[in-house]
Amino acid sequence: NKQIDAIITDPPYLLSNGGITFRGDKQSTVNKNFDDTRGITVAPAQWVPQVVQHLKPGGALVATCSPHILYELADACRSLGLDVDRDIAIWAKPSAPPLLSADRLRANFEFIFIAYKPGASYVFNYDEFRKVYDGQPDRVFTVNQCSGNERLGWHDTQKPMELAEKLVRLYVPPDGLMLDPFAGSATFSAAAKQIGRRSVWVEKKPDFYSKAELRLTETPFEWEVR
């Protein structure tokens, strides 16, 4: 039942800790509008085995994450025999909000965790990426956070389409099938649709699910935007 070419997702980061940040020009809580606290949200040790069993040999699990779960992701994947030492990347965020706490570093990047299921070869669409973006992929993706018209306004951790498209293009083969088990705003599936990949996705929160479904219905297929 190994039908998934790649898993690309934005799982809970465990950031809902009562801290303070800026949203717009106003102070705001860092707590998210979905389950994002340890002991309540599903942990990597629980969800990684459930999705990796459907991943094809040579396929990648790619997850944006903070240090809060980076090591848990690595442990969960390593325990299943996945290759976690081949690559890791960073999403650098020039537009990250200023630091309001004087006891830690400013959070102006997130990790992009990458693990491969062993196979004869690994999926990595290097040539296509170079052709589309006129440059080779490196380990730092410098992309602004969602803002302005791109921000949908109903999911706190919506990822930018530029980042999503680059990750999907790299790790999902043309006409391949991607799985996102934490769809949220469905950005990765929207990106897949726009560049000619197929996707399946899961979202447990009913209002997020309905809005994500509508977004994907309104997202044009690749051949409609050429």
Protein backbone atom coordinates (compact mmCIF):
# COMPACT_ATOMS: atom_id res chain seq x y z
CA ASN A 1 0.00 0.00 0.00
CA LYS A 2 2.97 2.29 -0.64
CA GLN A 3 1.40 4.83 -2.99
CA ILE A 4 2.68 8.20 -1.74
CA ASP A 5 5.65 9.77 -3.54
CA ALA A 6 6.32 12.38 -0.84
CA ILE A 7 4.92 13.64 2.45
CA ILE A 8 5.13 17.43 2.78
CA THR A 9 3.52 18.99 5.80
CA ASP A 10 3.44 21.72 8.45
CA PRO A 11 2.80 19.82 11.70
CA PRO A 12 2.07 21.46 15.09
CA TYR A 13 5.20 23.17 16.43
CA LEU A 14 4.28 23.25 20.14
CA LEU A 15 4.57 27.05 20.18
CA SER A 16 1.43 27.77 22.21
CA ASN A 17 3.21 28.65 25.45
CA GLY A 18 1.63 31.94 26.46
CA GLY A 19 4.40 34.09 24.95
CA ILE A 20 3.96 37.46 23.26
CA THR A 21 4.75 38.52 19.69
CA PHE A 22 3.70 41.19 17.18
CA ARG A 23 0.94 40.74 14.62
CA GLY A 24 0.68 43.76 12.42
CA ASP A 25 1.55 46.65 14.73
CA LYS A 26 0.01 45.13 17.85
CA GLN A 27 1.22 42.82 20.57
CA SER A 28 -0.40 39.41 20.36
CA THR A 29 -0.14 35.99 21.96
CA VAL A 30 1.95 33.34 20.24
CA ASN A 31 -0.78 30.77 21.01
CA LYS A 32 -2.24 29.28 17.85
CA ASN A 33 -5.86 28.88 16.80
CA PHE A 34 -5.56 25.07 16.77
CA ASP A 35 -4.25 22.36 19.13
CA ASP A 36 -0.57 23.16 19.54
CA THR A 37 0.33 22.23 23.10
CA ARG A 38 2.33 19.23 24.26
CA GLY A 39 0.16 16.42 25.59
CA ILE A 40 -2.84 17.55 23.52
CA THR A 41 -1.65 17.66 19.94
CA VAL A 42 -0.39 14.49 18.23
CA ALA A 43 3.37 13.98 18.64
CA PRO A 44 5.81 12.90 15.87
CA ALA A 45 6.21 9.48 17.50
CA GLN A 46 2.48 8.97 16.90
CA TRP A 47 1.91 10.42 13.44
CA VAL A 48 5.17 9.67 11.62
CA PRO A 49 4.70 5.84 11.62
CA GLN A 50 1.13 6.27 10.39
CA VAL A 51 2.14 8.19 7.27
CA VAL A 52 5.53 6.67 6.49
CA GLN A 53 3.96 3.24 5.96
CA HIS A 54 2.33 4.67 2.81
CA LEU A 55 5.52 6.30 1.47
CA LYS A 56 7.23 4.76 -1.55
CA PRO A 57 10.88 3.69 -1.26
CA GLY A 58 13.02 6.67 -2.22
CA GLY A 59 10.33 9.13 -1.20
CA ALA A 60 10.86 11.98 1.25
CA LEU A 61 9.11 13.20 4.36
CA VAL A 62 9.51 16.99 4.46
CA ALA A 63 8.23 18.97 7.43
CA THR A 64 8.60 22.62 8.36
CA CYS A 65 9.31 22.81 12.06
CA SER A 66 10.83 24.67 14.99
CA PRO A 67 13.47 23.30 17.39
CA HIS A 68 10.55 22.25 19.63
CA ILE A 69 9.93 19.14 17.51
CA LEU A 70 13.00 18.89 15.25
CA TYR A 71 14.66 16.25 17.42
CA GLU A 72 11.41 14.37 17.95
CA LEU A 73 10.96 14.18 14.17
CA ALA A 74 14.50 12.88 13.76
CA ASP A 75 14.05 10.26 16.48
CA ALA A 76 10.73 9.06 15.06
CA CYS A 77 12.10 8.76 11.53
CA ARG A 78 15.37 7.15 12.59
CA SER A 79 13.47 4.52 14.59
CA LEU A 80 11.68 3.54 11.37
CA GLY A 81 14.90 3.21 9.40
CA LEU A 82 14.58 6.45 7.44
CA ASP A 83 17.68 8.36 6.31
CA VAL A 84 17.72 11.57 8.38
CA ASP A 85 21.34 12.48 7.70
CA ARG A 86 21.20 13.25 3.97
CA ASP A 87 19.81 16.79 4.12
CA ILE A 88 18.25 19.49 6.24
CA ALA A 89 17.23 23.00 5.20
CA ILE A 90 16.20 26.34 6.66
CA TRP A 91 13.38 28.68 5.80
CA ALA A 92 14.84 32.16 6.43
CA LYS A 93 12.16 34.80 7.08
CA PRO A 94 13.34 38.38 6.44
CA SER A 95 9.93 39.68 7.54
CA ALA A 96 9.92 37.86 10.90
CA PRO A 97 8.46 39.96 13.76
CA PRO A 98 10.85 41.61 16.24
CA LEU A 99 11.84 39.87 19.43
CA LEU A 100 9.83 40.88 22.51
CA SER A 101 11.77 38.73 24.96
CA ALA A 102 15.30 39.64 26.06
CA ASP A 103 16.31 36.12 27.09
CA ARG A 104 16.51 34.32 23.72
CA LEU A 105 17.40 34.66 20.05
CA ARG A 106 14.98 36.18 17.56
CA ALA A 107 13.02 33.51 15.69
CA ASN A 108 13.74 34.57 12.11
CA PHE A 109 13.97 31.10 10.58
CA GLU A 110 12.36 27.68 10.74
CA PHE A 111 13.88 24.29 10.03
CA ILE A 112 12.82 22.22 7.04
CA PHE A 113 13.26 18.64 8.22
CA ILE A 114 13.93 16.08 5.48
CA ALA A 115 14.03 12.29 5.82
CA TYR A 116 14.13 9.70 3.05
CA LYS A 117 12.70 6.22 2.96
CA PRO A 118 15.49 3.89 1.75
CA GLY A 119 15.23 2.96 -1.90
CA ALA A 120 17.32 2.33 -5.01
CA SER A 121 17.37 6.11 -5.58
CA TYR A 122 15.95 9.20 -3.90
CA VAL A 123 13.46 11.58 -5.51
CA PHE A 124 15.08 15.00 -5.92
CA ASN A 125 14.01 17.00 -8.97
CA TYR A 126 17.21 19.00 -9.34
CA ASP A 127 17.02 19.69 -13.08
CA GLU A 128 13.42 20.85 -12.99
CA PHE A 129 14.13 23.17 -10.06
CA ARG A 130 17.11 24.75 -11.85
CA LYS A 131 15.08 25.25 -15.03
CA VAL A 132 12.11 26.87 -13.29
CA TYR A 133 13.95 29.03 -10.76
CA ASP A 134 17.14 29.70 -12.74
CA GLY A 135 19.45 28.52 -10.00
CA GLN A 136 20.37 25.45 -8.01
CA PRO A 137 18.56 24.66 -4.75
CA ASP A 138 20.53 25.23 -1.58
CA ARG A 139 19.82 24.68 2.08
CA VAL A 140 18.48 28.16 2.78
CA PHE A 141 15.09 29.17 1.34
CA THR A 142 14.76 32.93 1.84
CA VAL A 143 11.04 33.68 1.59
CA ASN A 144 8.93 36.27 3.39
CA GLN A 145 6.10 35.13 5.63
CA CYS A 146 2.56 35.40 4.29
CA SER A 147 1.29 38.96 4.25
CA GLY A 148 -1.05 41.24 2.34
CA ASN A 149 -3.38 39.62 -0.15
CA GLU A 150 -1.75 36.21 0.20
CA ARG A 151 -2.76 35.84 3.83
CA LEU A 152 -6.16 34.18 4.05
CA GLY A 153 -6.76 35.30 7.62
CA TRP A 154 -8.18 32.10 9.10
CA HIS A 155 -5.12 29.99 9.91
CA ASP A 156 -2.32 31.25 12.14
CA THR A 157 0.56 29.38 10.50
CA GLN A 158 -0.25 29.69 6.80
CA LYS A 159 2.88 29.06 4.72
CA PRO A 160 3.81 31.21 1.71
CA MET A 161 3.04 29.75 -1.70
CA GLU A 162 6.57 30.43 -2.94
CA LEU A 163 8.08 28.17 -0.28
CA ALA A 164 5.43 25.50 -0.82
CA GLU A 165 5.93 25.41 -4.58
CA LYS A 166 9.69 25.03 -4.27
CA LEU A 167 9.43 22.15 -1.79
CA VAL A 168 6.73 20.36 -3.78
CA ARG A 169 8.68 20.79 -7.01
CA LEU A 170 11.83 19.36 -5.45
CA TYR A 171 10.41 16.32 -3.68
CA VAL A 172 7.29 15.27 -5.64
CA PRO A 173 7.92 13.85 -9.13
CA PRO A 174 5.90 15.23 -12.06
CA ASP A 175 2.38 13.76 -11.86
CA GLY A 176 3.36 12.29 -8.47
CA LEU A 177 1.17 12.00 -5.39
CA MET A 178 1.83 14.06 -2.25
CA LEU A 179 0.35 13.58 1.21
CA ASP A 180 -0.17 16.40 3.73
CA PRO A 181 -1.45 14.97 7.04
CA PHE A 182 -1.73 18.44 8.65
CA ALA A 183 -3.29 20.47 5.85
CA GLY A 184 -4.33 23.56 7.81
CA SER A 185 -4.71 26.20 5.09
CA ALA A 186 -3.85 23.56 2.42
CA THR A 187 -0.99 25.59 0.96
CA PHE A 188 1.11 22.56 0.04
CA SER A 189 -1.82 20.93 -1.77
CA ALA A 190 -2.64 24.22 -3.51
CA ALA A 191 0.96 24.46 -4.66
CA ALA A 192 0.87 20.85 -5.87
CA LYS A 193 -2.23 21.51 -7.93
CA GLN A 194 -0.74 24.63 -9.51
CA ILE A 195 2.40 22.82 -10.67
CA GLY A 196 0.81 19.60 -11.89
CA ARG A 197 1.17 17.29 -8.91
CA ARG A 198 -1.61 15.37 -7.18
CA SER A 199 -2.25 15.46 -3.46
CA VAL A 200 -4.26 13.93 -0.66
CA TRP A 201 -4.63 15.80 2.62
CA VAL A 202 -6.01 15.51 6.12
CA GLU A 203 -7.40 18.24 8.37
CA LYS A 204 -9.25 17.40 11.58
CA LYS A 205 -10.63 20.85 12.43
CA PRO A 206 -14.00 21.17 10.62
CA ASP A 207 -13.86 24.89 9.88
CA PHE A 208 -10.30 24.64 8.56
CA TYR A 209 -11.32 21.64 6.45
CA SER A 210 -14.22 23.49 4.82
CA LYS A 211 -12.12 26.54 4.01
CA ALA A 212 -9.22 24.45 2.74
CA GLU A 213 -11.56 22.47 0.50
CA LEU A 214 -12.94 25.71 -0.97
CA ARG A 215 -9.45 27.08 -1.49
CA LEU A 216 -8.40 23.99 -3.40
CA THR A 217 -11.55 24.07 -5.50
CA GLU A 218 -10.70 27.63 -6.52
CA THR A 219 -7.00 26.92 -7.13
CA PRO A 220 -6.32 26.53 -10.87
CA PHE A 221 -4.59 23.48 -12.30
CA GLU A 222 -1.16 23.90 -13.84
CA TRP A 223 -2.47 23.98 -17.41
CA GLU A 224 -4.96 26.73 -16.53
CA VAL A 225 -2.25 29.18 -15.44
CA ARG A 226 0.18 28.69 -18.31
